[in-house]
C-alpha atoms as a PDB file:
ATOM      1  CA  MET A   1      58.576  46.822 -60.852  1.00  0.00           C
ATOM      2  CA  LYS A   2      55.495  44.624 -60.764  1.00  0.00           C
ATOM      3  CA  LYS A   3      57.598  41.712 -59.457  1.00  0.00           C
ATOM      4  CA  PHE A   4      59.063  43.957 -56.751  1.00  0.00           C
ATOM      5  CA  LEU A   5      55.586  45.037 -55.575  1.00  0.00           C
ATOM      6  CA  GLU A   6      54.466  41.403 -55.463  1.00  0.00           C
ATOM      7  CA  ILE A   7      57.442  40.479 -53.274  1.00  0.00           C
ATOM      8  CA  VAL A   8      56.794  43.411 -50.935  1.00  0.00           C
ATOM      9  CA  ALA A   9      53.121  42.458 -50.666  1.00  0.00           C
ATOM     10  CA  VAL A  10      54.034  38.853 -49.778  1.00  0.00           C
ATOM     11  CA  LEU A  11      56.564  40.022 -47.172  1.00  0.00           C
ATOM     12  CA  ILE A  12      53.996  42.335 -45.588  1.00  0.00           C
ATOM     13  CA  ALA A  13      51.418  39.541 -45.541  1.00  0.00           C
ATOM     14  CA  ILE A  14      53.905  37.252 -43.784  1.00  0.00           C
ATOM     15  CA  ALA A  15      55.210  39.869 -41.347  1.00  0.00           C
ATOM     16  CA  LEU A  16      51.854  41.395 -40.377  1.00  0.00           C
ATOM     17  CA  PRO A  17      50.757  38.597 -37.990  1.00  0.00           C
ATOM     18  CA  ALA A  18      54.161  38.653 -36.270  1.00  0.00           C
ATOM     19  CA  ILE A  19      53.979  42.415 -35.817  1.00  0.00           C
ATOM     20  CA  ALA A  20      50.443  42.171 -34.451  1.00  0.00           C
ATOM     21  CA  GLN A  21      51.540  39.851 -31.640  1.00  0.00           C
ATOM     22  CA  SER A  22      52.433  41.653 -28.466  1.00  0.00           C
ATOM     23  CA  ASN A  23      55.200  40.817 -26.026  1.00  0.00           C
ATOM     24  CA  TYR A  24      53.215  42.340 -23.198  1.00  0.00           C
ATOM     25  CA  PRO A  25      51.343  39.963 -20.884  1.00  0.00           C
ATOM     26  CA  ASP A  26      47.590  39.835 -21.041  1.00  0.00           C
ATOM     27  CA  ARG A  27      46.468  42.284 -18.335  1.00  0.00           C
ATOM     28  CA  ASP A  28      43.170  40.422 -17.791  1.00  0.00           C
ATOM     29  CA  ARG A  29      45.015  37.190 -17.117  1.00  0.00           C
ATOM     30  CA  ASP A  30      47.347  38.901 -14.639  1.00  0.00           C
ATOM     31  CA  ASP A  31      44.363  40.373 -12.796  1.00  0.00           C
ATOM     32  CA  ARG A  32      42.707  36.957 -12.776  1.00  0.00           C
ATOM     33  CA  ASP A  33      45.852  35.363 -11.312  1.00  0.00           C
ATOM     34  CA  ARG A  34      45.980  37.930  -8.536  1.00  0.00           C
ATOM     35  CA  ALA A  35      42.322  37.213  -7.804  1.00  0.00           C
ATOM     36  CA  TYR A  36      43.136  33.501  -7.492  1.00  0.00           C
ATOM     37  CA  SER A  37      45.795  34.241  -4.949  1.00  0.00           C
ATOM     38  CA  ARG A  38      43.434  36.349  -2.852  1.00  0.00           C
ATOM     39  CA  GLN A  39      40.823  33.612  -2.751  1.00  0.00           C
ATOM     40  CA  SER A  40      43.160  30.996  -1.403  1.00  0.00           C
ATOM     41  CA  GLN A  41      44.975  32.815   1.333  1.00  0.00           C
ATOM     42  CA  PRO A  42      48.100  30.853   2.197  1.00  0.00           C
ATOM     43  CA  ARG A  43      48.606  29.514   5.712  1.00  0.00           C
ATOM     44  CA  LEU A  44      51.864  30.658   7.278  1.00  0.00           C
ATOM     45  CA  SER A  45      53.232  29.471  10.580  1.00  0.00           C
ATOM     46  CA  ALA A  46      52.414  31.798  13.477  1.00  0.00           C
ATOM     47  CA  ASP A  47      55.990  33.121  13.629  1.00  0.00           C
ATOM     48  CA  ASP A  48      56.236  33.676   9.881  1.00  0.00           C
ATOM     49  CA  GLN A  49      52.803  35.331   9.822  1.00  0.00           C
ATOM     50  CA  LYS A  50      53.891  37.665  12.607  1.00  0.00           C
ATOM     51  CA  ASP A  51      57.130  38.496  10.747  1.00  0.00           C
ATOM     52  CA  PHE A  52      55.264  38.950   7.480  1.00  0.00           C
ATOM     53  CA  ASP A  53      52.683  41.240   9.101  1.00  0.00           C
ATOM     54  CA  HIS A  54      55.453  43.288  10.742  1.00  0.00           C
ATOM     55  CA  GLU A  55      57.278  43.729   7.430  1.00  0.00           C
ATOM     56  CA  TYR A  56      53.997  44.477   5.665  1.00  0.00           C
ATOM     57  CA  GLY A  57      53.236  47.282   8.132  1.00  0.00           C
ATOM     58  CA  LYS A  58      56.741  48.725   7.672  1.00  0.00           C
ATOM     59  CA  TRP A  59      56.381  48.370   3.906  1.00  0.00           C
ATOM     60  CA  GLN A  60      53.097  50.322   3.997  1.00  0.00           C
ATOM     61  CA  GLU A  61      54.737  53.082   6.074  1.00  0.00           C
ATOM     62  CA  ALA A  62      57.644  53.252   3.624  1.00  0.00           C
ATOM     63  CA  ASN A  63      55.186  53.486   0.726  1.00  0.00           C
ATOM     64  CA  ALA A  64      53.378  56.352   2.457  1.00  0.00           C
ATOM     65  CA  LYS A  65      56.711  58.197   2.814  1.00  0.00           C
ATOM     66  CA  ASN A  66      57.827  57.122  -0.667  1.00  0.00           C
ATOM     67  CA  ASP A  67      61.100  55.837   0.829  1.00  0.00           C
ATOM     68  CA  ARG A  68      62.365  53.613  -1.995  1.00  0.00           C
ATOM     69  CA  ASP A  69      65.157  51.992   0.035  1.00  0.00           C
ATOM     70  CA  ASP A  70      62.810  50.945   2.841  1.00  0.00           C
ATOM     71  CA  ILE A  71      60.134  49.823   0.381  1.00  0.00           C
ATOM     72  CA  ASP A  72      62.623  47.492  -1.300  1.00  0.00           C
ATOM     73  CA  LYS A  73      64.089  46.277   2.001  1.00  0.00           C
ATOM     74  CA  HIS A  74      60.729  45.291   3.490  1.00  0.00           C
ATOM     75  CA  ALA A  75      59.453  43.836   0.206  1.00  0.00           C
ATOM     76  CA  ARG A  76      62.547  41.599  -0.012  1.00  0.00           C
ATOM     77  CA  LYS A  77      61.958  40.344   3.530  1.00  0.00           C
ATOM     78  CA  MET A  78      58.343  39.472   2.700  1.00  0.00           C
ATOM     79  CA  GLU A  79      59.416  37.860  -0.575  1.00  0.00           C
ATOM     80  CA  ASN A  80      61.884  35.680   1.344  1.00  0.00           C
ATOM     81  CA  ILE A  81      59.025  34.222   3.410  1.00  0.00           C
ATOM     82  CA  MET A  82      56.742  33.501   0.447  1.00  0.00           C
ATOM     83  CA  PRO A  83      58.718  30.642  -1.228  1.00  0.00           C
ATOM     84  CA  ARG A  84      58.681  28.611   2.000  1.00  0.00           C
ATOM     85  CA  TYR A  85      54.929  28.213   1.513  1.00  0.00           C
ATOM     86  CA  ASN A  86      54.957  27.882  -2.288  1.00  0.00           C
ATOM     87  CA  ILE A  87      53.299  31.267  -2.664  1.00  0.00           C
ATOM     88  CA  PRO A  88      53.637  32.517  -6.252  1.00  0.00           C
ATOM     89  CA  PRO A  89      55.878  35.596  -6.507  1.00  0.00           C
ATOM     90  CA  ASP A  90      53.118  37.650  -8.163  1.00  0.00           C
ATOM     91  CA  THR A  91      50.825  37.255  -5.138  1.00  0.00           C
ATOM     92  CA  PRO A  92      50.005  40.674  -3.681  1.00  0.00           C
ATOM     93  CA  PHE A  93      51.295  41.201  -0.153  1.00  0.00           C
ATOM     94  CA  ASP A  94      47.834  42.152   1.113  1.00  0.00           C
ATOM     95  CA  ALA A  95      46.585  38.668   0.193  1.00  0.00           C
ATOM     96  CA  ILE A  96      49.044  37.191   2.690  1.00  0.00           C
ATOM     97  CA  ALA A  97      48.973  39.782   5.467  1.00  0.00           C
ATOM     98  CA  THR A  98      46.377  39.232   8.171  1.00  0.00           C
ATOM     99  CA  SER A  99      43.448  41.603   8.567  1.00  0.00           C
ATOM    100  CA  GLY A 100      44.972  43.312  11.607  1.00  0.00           C
ATOM    101  CA  SER A 101      47.860  44.692   9.604  1.00  0.00           C
ATOM    102  CA  ASN A 102      46.115  45.768   6.436  1.00  0.00           C
ATOM    103  CA  GLY A 103      42.880  47.278   7.682  1.00  0.00           C
ATOM    104  CA  TYR A 104      40.559  44.957   5.775  1.00  0.00           C
ATOM    105  CA  ALA A 105      37.584  43.290   7.376  1.00  0.00           C
ATOM    106  CA  PRO A 106      38.393  39.905   8.866  1.00  0.00           C
ATOM    107  CA  ARG A 107      37.896  36.880   6.679  1.00  0.00           C
ATOM    108  CA  ASN A 108      35.185  34.357   7.350  1.00  0.00           C
ATOM    109  CA  ASP A 109      35.977  31.625   9.834  1.00  0.00           C
ATOM    110  CA  ALA A 110      36.420  28.654   7.509  1.00  0.00           C
ATOM    111  CA  ARG A 111      35.583  26.187  10.291  1.00  0.00           C
ATOM    112  CA  GLU A 112      32.018  27.442  10.038  1.00  0.00           C
ATOM    113  CA  TYR A 113      31.764  25.962   6.525  1.00  0.00           C
ATOM    114  CA  GLN A 114      33.731  22.725   6.935  1.00  0.00           C
ATOM    115  CA  GLY A 115      31.799  19.481   6.561  1.00  0.00           C
ATOM    116  CA  ARG A 116      28.819  21.032   4.771  1.00  0.00           C
ATOM    117  CA  PHE A 117      29.282  19.271   1.450  1.00  0.00           C
ATOM    118  CA  SER A 118      27.428  16.074   0.638  1.00  0.00           C
ATOM    119  CA  GLN A 119      29.710  13.080   0.207  1.00  0.00           C
ATOM    120  CA  ASP A 120      29.449  13.321  -3.575  1.00  0.00           C
ATOM    121  CA  ASP A 121      30.118  17.074  -3.634  1.00  0.00           C
ATOM    122  CA  GLN A 122      33.055  16.647  -1.226  1.00  0.00           C
ATOM    123  CA  LYS A 123      34.630  14.149  -3.635  1.00  0.00           C
ATOM    124  CA  LYS A 124      34.065  16.509  -6.563  1.00  0.00           C
ATOM    125  CA  PHE A 125      35.482  19.446  -4.595  1.00  0.00           C
ATOM    126  CA  ASP A 126      38.531  17.437  -3.485  1.00  0.00           C
ATOM    127  CA  LYS A 127      39.201  16.318  -7.068  1.00  0.00           C
ATOM    128  CA  ALA A 128      38.904  19.870  -8.403  1.00  0.00           C
ATOM    129  CA  TYR A 129      41.110  21.130  -5.548  1.00  0.00           C
ATOM    130  CA  GLU A 130      43.857  18.592  -6.323  1.00  0.00           C
ATOM    131  CA  HIS A 131      43.746  19.505 -10.031  1.00  0.00           C
ATOM    132  CA  TRP A 132      43.767  23.204  -9.096  1.00  0.00           C
ATOM    133  CA  LEU A 133      46.905  22.756  -6.966  1.00  0.00           C
ATOM    134  CA  GLU A 134      48.632  20.869  -9.763  1.00  0.00           C
ATOM    135  CA  SER A 135      47.603  23.476 -12.335  1.00  0.00           C
ATOM    136  CA  ARG A 136      48.940  26.281 -10.138  1.00  0.00           C
ATOM    137  CA  ARG A 137      52.206  24.399  -9.724  1.00  0.00           C
ATOM    138  CA  LYS A 138      52.447  24.100 -13.532  1.00  0.00           C
ATOM    139  CA  ARG A 139      51.277  27.719 -13.924  1.00  0.00           C
ATOM    140  CA  ASP A 140      48.538  26.568 -16.326  1.00  0.00           C
ATOM    141  CA  ARG A 141      46.158  29.523 -16.164  1.00  0.00           C
ATOM    142  CA  ASP A 142      43.378  27.929 -18.178  1.00  0.00           C
ATOM    143  CA  ASP A 143      43.187  24.826 -16.007  1.00  0.00           C
ATOM    144  CA  VAL A 144      43.442  26.920 -12.836  1.00  0.00           C
ATOM    145  CA  ALA A 145      40.405  28.914 -13.951  1.00  0.00           C
ATOM    146  CA  LYS A 146      38.488  25.768 -14.936  1.00  0.00           C
ATOM    147  CA  ASP A 147      39.156  24.016 -11.606  1.00  0.00           C
ATOM    148  CA  GLU A 148      38.426  27.148  -9.634  1.00  0.00           C
ATOM    149  CA  GLY A 149      35.107  27.455 -11.435  1.00  0.00           C
ATOM    150  CA  LYS A 150      34.187  23.904 -10.395  1.00  0.00           C
ATOM    151  CA  MET A 151      35.042  24.622  -6.747  1.00  0.00           C
ATOM    152  CA  GLN A 152      33.184  27.944  -6.786  1.00  0.00           C
ATOM    153  CA  GLU A 153      30.128  26.265  -8.281  1.00  0.00           C
ATOM    154  CA  ILE A 154      30.015  23.719  -5.455  1.00  0.00           C
ATOM    155  CA  MET A 155      30.643  26.442  -2.859  1.00  0.00           C
ATOM    156  CA  SER A 156      27.796  28.557  -4.222  1.00  0.00           C
ATOM    157  CA  ARG A 157      25.326  25.667  -3.843  1.00  0.00           C
ATOM    158  CA  TYR A 158      26.107  25.660  -0.119  1.00  0.00           C
ATOM    159  CA  ASN A 159      26.188  29.478   0.215  1.00  0.00           C
ATOM    160  CA  ILE A 160      29.875  29.480   1.114  1.00  0.00           C
ATOM    161  CA  PRO A 161      31.540  32.882   0.481  1.00  0.00           C
ATOM    162  CA  ARG A 162      34.169  33.141  -2.239  1.00  0.00           C
ATOM    163  CA  ASP A 163      36.882  34.211   0.215  1.00  0.00           C
ATOM    164  CA  VAL A 164      36.817  30.980   2.244  1.00  0.00           C
ATOM    165  CA  PRO A 165      40.162  29.300   1.445  1.00  0.00           C
ATOM    166  CA  TYR A 166      39.869  26.188  -0.670  1.00  0.00           C
ATOM    167  CA  ASP A 167      42.299  24.241   1.501  1.00  0.00           C
ATOM    168  CA  GLN A 168      39.927  24.639   4.429  1.00  0.00           C
ATOM    169  CA  LEU A 169      37.089  23.056   2.486  1.00  0.00           C
ATOM    170  CA  ALA A 170      39.042  20.192   0.962  1.00  0.00           C
ATOM    171  CA  SER A 171      38.890  17.095   3.108  1.00  0.00           C
ATOM    172  CA  GLY A 172      42.680  16.805   3.027  1.00  0.00           C
ATOM    173  CA  GLY A 173      42.888  20.189   4.774  1.00  0.00           C
ATOM    174  CA  ARG A 174      41.139  18.777   7.830  1.00  0.00           C
ATOM    175  CA  GLY A 175      43.047  15.549   8.113  1.00  0.00           C
ATOM    176  CA  TYR A 176      40.395  12.961   7.228  1.00  0.00           C
END
């Protein structure tokens, strides 16, 4: 009996860490990822933005009516536009829709903040931006957060709001 209890104790000690691990995603990380997507609003072509905004408005109406068929139909149409611009599938629709269709205040005009960085800070920002893009492509959450922190730190020194898209501040985004 003593041997049996020892074996059970060893099995419990081995199995306990496996049981403690959860298969559910870390909710804080998911919220952080959605925040990343809001801060770097993707740039759609004018036609795609118009189509996306139209579908977003219809999707909101369907949500208000709780019409499941229409909700799914309009969501699928928006989701078909997103891959063309390498927008992650977990990006909320309101991060892509323009302010006219979702009722939010308009975003800052990024052109107002372009060219403010010193040459050294511009190089640092560009390097962090390139790493950030690569980390997003790899879906490496830790590196995305680290690179975003570097960009936000530089932006804060120049009093640039958090919602100014990174691509508008990177020198590659302006063609020089």
